[in-house]
Amino acid sequence: MGISWQVIQQSLPVFEKGLVLTLWLSLIGIIGAIIVGLVCSLLQYFKVPVLHQIVSVYVEVSRNTPLLVQLFFLYYAFPVFGFKMNAEMCGIVGLIFLGGSYMAEGFTGGFNGVSKTQVETGKAIGLTRGQLARYVVFPQGFALSVPALAANIIFLIKETSIFTVIAIPELTNTALDLIGMYYRSNEYLLVLVVGYAIILIPLSILLTILEKRVRYGAFGN
């Protein structure tokens, strides 16, 4: 069976809604993951008592369990304990929970790359932990973290395809629903691939440019 461009054209409005929802959920989830990752990384870097052990457990649990399992737990187990969320909120929380651990590892790698001499010098002149984080560790560590953060952003956007298991009408779920109704796999899978390409290819280019500019600003090459 050949590809029908008419079928593709008729499906575009539905896929457009799925594309917008995918972008929206990704944006909120990634922003939340960066915030969580940054806080967790700083707690680990400065070895804040008790909290850095809690963060270590969180990172290990999050990175070593699939997003699919995490979403099932949020969507089906949380209501048993009185915490009920709609599907989209579960998706966002799941993305933040998973992404936060990956972002934390990315930031930690960057922060650990900051010269120990500069950190010790900052302590010697009386900088507090907050001042060290703000003026010494974060600016340089962030530049070193950009490659890992860029990779994590792409990874998290791809992970939104898992949201189909809790019936969020993002791109993948839209394609599967249309295939189930009209049995036009070739057309709908082609649009699905193009949809992700529209998101990921320009984003990859932008992140590569950002990485080069940050590296040049930090290291001059």
Protein backbone atom coordinates (compact mmCIF):
# COMPACT_ATOMS: atom_id res chain seq x y z
CA MET A 1 0.00 0.00 0.00
CA GLY A 2 1.46 3.38 -1.04
CA ILE A 3 1.45 6.55 0.99
CA SER A 4 -1.63 8.75 0.61
CA TRP A 5 -0.77 12.43 0.90
CA GLN A 6 -4.46 13.20 1.30
CA VAL A 7 -4.57 11.07 4.46
CA ILE A 8 -1.50 12.89 5.76
CA GLN A 9 -3.01 16.28 5.01
CA GLN A 10 -6.24 15.40 6.80
CA SER A 11 -4.33 14.26 9.88
CA LEU A 12 -2.18 17.39 10.21
CA PRO A 13 -4.59 19.39 12.47
CA VAL A 14 -4.68 16.50 14.94
CA PHE A 15 -0.91 16.09 14.86
CA GLU A 16 -0.52 19.83 15.31
CA LYS A 17 -2.35 19.60 18.64
CA GLY A 18 -0.13 16.68 19.66
CA LEU A 19 2.97 18.64 18.67
CA VAL A 20 1.95 21.67 20.71
CA LEU A 21 1.17 19.50 23.74
CA THR A 22 4.51 17.69 23.41
CA LEU A 23 6.35 21.02 23.30
CA TRP A 24 4.41 22.38 26.28
CA LEU A 25 4.94 19.32 28.48
CA SER A 26 8.61 19.17 27.47
CA LEU A 27 9.15 22.85 28.27
CA ILE A 28 7.61 22.66 31.74
CA GLY A 29 9.30 19.35 32.51
CA ILE A 30 12.74 20.48 31.35
CA ILE A 31 12.59 23.77 33.26
CA GLY A 32 11.53 21.89 36.39
CA ALA A 33 14.24 19.28 35.86
CA ILE A 34 16.94 21.96 35.51
CA ILE A 35 15.82 23.65 38.73
CA VAL A 36 15.69 20.35 40.64
CA GLY A 37 19.00 19.24 39.16
CA LEU A 38 20.74 22.50 40.05
CA VAL A 39 19.54 22.45 43.65
CA CYS A 40 20.43 18.77 44.08
CA SER A 41 23.86 19.26 42.54
CA LEU A 42 24.71 22.18 44.82
CA LEU A 43 23.59 20.19 47.86
CA GLN A 44 25.88 17.36 46.78
CA TYR A 45 28.79 19.62 45.84
CA PHE A 46 28.83 21.38 49.21
CA LYS A 47 27.97 18.12 51.01
CA VAL A 48 25.13 19.65 53.04
CA PRO A 49 24.52 17.29 55.99
CA VAL A 50 21.62 14.83 55.60
CA LEU A 51 20.32 16.56 52.46
CA HIS A 52 23.16 15.41 50.24
CA GLN A 53 22.57 11.79 51.31
CA ILE A 54 18.86 12.18 50.48
CA VAL A 55 19.78 13.62 47.09
CA SER A 56 22.12 10.68 46.42
CA VAL A 57 19.30 8.22 47.11
CA TYR A 58 16.93 10.20 44.88
CA VAL A 59 19.43 10.26 42.00
CA GLU A 60 20.07 6.53 42.23
CA VAL A 61 16.36 5.65 42.41
CA SER A 62 15.41 8.00 39.59
CA ARG A 63 18.21 7.03 37.20
CA ASN A 64 17.77 3.31 37.77
CA THR A 65 14.02 3.04 37.27
CA PRO A 66 12.32 3.45 33.87
CA LEU A 67 10.07 6.46 33.25
CA LEU A 68 7.33 3.98 32.36
CA VAL A 69 7.39 2.54 35.90
CA GLN A 70 7.54 6.00 37.44
CA LEU A 71 4.49 7.13 35.46
CA PHE A 72 2.52 4.03 36.44
CA PHE A 73 3.37 4.69 40.09
CA LEU A 74 2.33 8.35 39.87
CA TYR A 75 -0.87 7.66 37.95
CA TYR A 76 -2.11 4.50 39.63
CA ALA A 77 -0.42 4.23 43.05
CA PHE A 78 -0.47 7.85 44.21
CA PRO A 79 -4.31 8.04 44.29
CA VAL A 80 -4.27 5.17 46.81
CA PHE A 81 -2.39 7.49 49.19
CA GLY A 82 -4.74 10.40 48.48
CA PHE A 83 -2.61 12.18 45.87
CA LYS A 84 -4.58 12.28 42.64
CA MET A 85 -3.22 14.04 39.55
CA ASN A 86 -4.49 14.23 36.00
CA ALA A 87 -2.52 12.57 33.23
CA GLU A 88 -0.73 15.72 32.08
CA MET A 89 0.38 16.62 35.60
CA CYS A 90 1.65 13.06 36.10
CA GLY A 91 3.62 13.38 32.89
CA ILE A 92 5.21 16.66 33.99
CA VAL A 93 6.04 15.36 37.48
CA GLY A 94 7.47 12.17 36.00
CA LEU A 95 9.62 14.13 33.56
CA ILE A 96 10.89 16.40 36.35
CA PHE A 97 11.56 13.43 38.63
CA LEU A 98 13.55 11.59 35.96
CA GLY A 99 15.15 14.65 34.40
CA GLY A 100 16.15 16.19 37.72
CA SER A 101 18.49 13.32 38.46
CA TYR A 102 20.13 13.48 35.04
CA MET A 103 20.48 17.25 35.26
CA ALA A 104 21.96 16.89 38.75
CA GLU A 105 24.63 14.55 37.40
CA GLY A 106 25.34 16.94 34.55
CA PHE A 107 25.72 19.92 36.87
CA THR A 108 27.80 17.90 39.33
CA GLY A 109 30.25 16.98 36.58
CA GLY A 110 30.56 20.65 35.66
CA PHE A 111 30.93 21.87 39.23
CA ASN A 112 33.58 19.26 39.96
CA GLY A 113 35.52 20.63 37.02
CA VAL A 114 35.90 24.03 38.69
CA SER A 115 39.45 24.60 39.88
CA LYS A 116 39.83 23.65 43.54
CA THR A 117 42.33 26.49 43.88
CA GLN A 118 39.64 29.05 43.08
CA VAL A 119 37.23 27.48 45.55
CA GLU A 120 39.85 27.44 48.31
CA THR A 121 40.79 31.03 47.50
CA GLY A 122 37.15 32.03 47.81
CA LYS A 123 36.94 30.36 51.21
CA ALA A 124 40.17 32.06 52.27
CA ILE A 125 38.80 35.53 51.56
CA GLY A 126 35.67 34.77 53.57
CA LEU A 127 33.06 33.90 50.95
CA THR A 128 30.07 32.01 52.28
CA ARG A 129 28.75 28.87 50.58
CA GLY A 130 26.09 30.94 48.87
CA GLN A 131 28.64 33.43 47.59
CA LEU A 132 30.96 30.65 46.44
CA ALA A 133 28.09 29.03 44.55
CA ARG A 134 26.99 32.31 42.99
CA TYR A 135 30.31 33.89 42.05
CA VAL A 136 32.75 31.00 41.64
CA VAL A 137 31.22 27.56 41.24
CA PHE A 138 28.05 28.20 39.25
CA PRO A 139 29.37 30.48 36.45
CA GLN A 140 32.26 28.18 35.56
CA GLY A 141 30.47 24.92 36.38
CA PHE A 142 27.50 25.84 34.20
CA ALA A 143 29.76 26.37 31.18
CA LEU A 144 31.29 22.94 31.75
CA SER A 145 27.82 21.41 32.18
CA VAL A 146 26.31 22.65 28.92
CA PRO A 147 27.15 19.57 26.79
CA ALA A 148 25.56 17.23 29.35
CA LEU A 149 22.54 19.52 29.80
CA ALA A 150 22.01 19.70 26.03
CA ALA A 151 22.08 15.91 25.76
CA ASN A 152 19.65 15.61 28.68
CA ILE A 153 17.21 18.08 27.10
CA ILE A 154 17.10 16.03 23.88
CA PHE A 155 16.73 12.85 25.93
CA LEU A 156 13.80 14.21 27.94
CA ILE A 157 11.93 15.37 24.84
CA LYS A 158 12.25 11.87 23.40
CA GLU A 159 10.99 10.42 26.67
CA THR A 160 7.66 12.22 26.24
CA SER A 161 6.74 9.42 23.85
CA ILE A 162 6.28 7.25 26.98
CA PHE A 163 3.37 9.48 28.01
CA THR A 164 1.16 7.47 25.68
CA VAL A 165 0.84 4.81 28.42
CA ILE A 166 -1.27 7.19 30.51
CA ALA A 167 -3.25 8.42 27.50
CA ILE A 168 -1.74 11.89 27.14
CA PRO A 169 -2.51 12.94 23.53
CA GLU A 170 1.06 13.91 22.60
CA LEU A 171 2.63 13.02 19.24
CA THR A 172 3.11 9.29 19.75
CA ASN A 173 -0.30 8.75 21.31
CA THR A 174 -1.89 10.73 18.48
CA ALA A 175 -0.22 8.51 15.88
CA LEU A 176 -1.23 5.31 17.67
CA ASP A 177 -4.84 6.47 18.02
CA LEU A 178 -5.09 7.34 14.33
CA ILE A 179 -3.53 4.03 13.32
CA GLY A 180 -6.01 2.20 15.53
CA MET A 181 -8.94 4.02 13.94
CA TYR A 182 -7.95 4.14 10.27
CA TYR A 183 -5.22 1.50 9.83
CA ARG A 184 -2.94 3.86 7.87
CA SER A 185 0.33 3.04 9.59
CA ASN A 186 2.67 4.33 6.88
CA GLU A 187 1.15 7.80 6.73
CA TYR A 188 0.77 8.37 10.45
CA LEU A 189 4.20 7.00 11.36
CA LEU A 190 5.75 9.23 8.69
CA VAL A 191 4.06 12.29 10.20
CA LEU A 192 5.18 11.15 13.66
CA VAL A 193 8.82 10.96 12.55
CA VAL A 194 8.58 14.35 10.85
CA GLY A 195 6.95 15.83 13.96
CA TYR A 196 9.83 14.80 16.21
CA ALA A 197 12.33 15.94 13.58
CA ILE A 198 10.69 19.38 13.54
CA ILE A 199 11.28 19.63 17.28
CA LEU A 200 14.64 17.94 17.69
CA ILE A 201 16.71 18.97 14.67
CA PRO A 202 16.42 22.77 15.15
CA LEU A 203 16.83 22.33 18.91
CA SER A 204 19.96 20.22 18.42
CA ILE A 205 21.44 22.91 16.17
CA LEU A 206 20.63 25.67 18.68
CA LEU A 207 22.09 23.71 21.58
CA THR A 208 25.26 23.00 19.59
CA ILE A 209 25.64 26.73 18.86
CA LEU A 210 25.04 27.53 22.54
CA GLU A 211 27.60 24.94 23.60
CA LYS A 212 30.23 26.44 21.29
CA ARG A 213 29.53 29.99 22.44
CA VAL A 214 29.61 29.09 26.12
CA ARG A 215 32.83 27.12 25.63
CA TYR A 216 34.39 30.03 23.76
CA GLY A 217 33.27 32.50 26.45
CA ALA A 218 34.64 30.31 29.21
CA PHE A 219 37.83 29.02 27.65
CA GLY A 220 38.49 31.24 24.63
CA ASN A 221 38.56 28.44 22.04
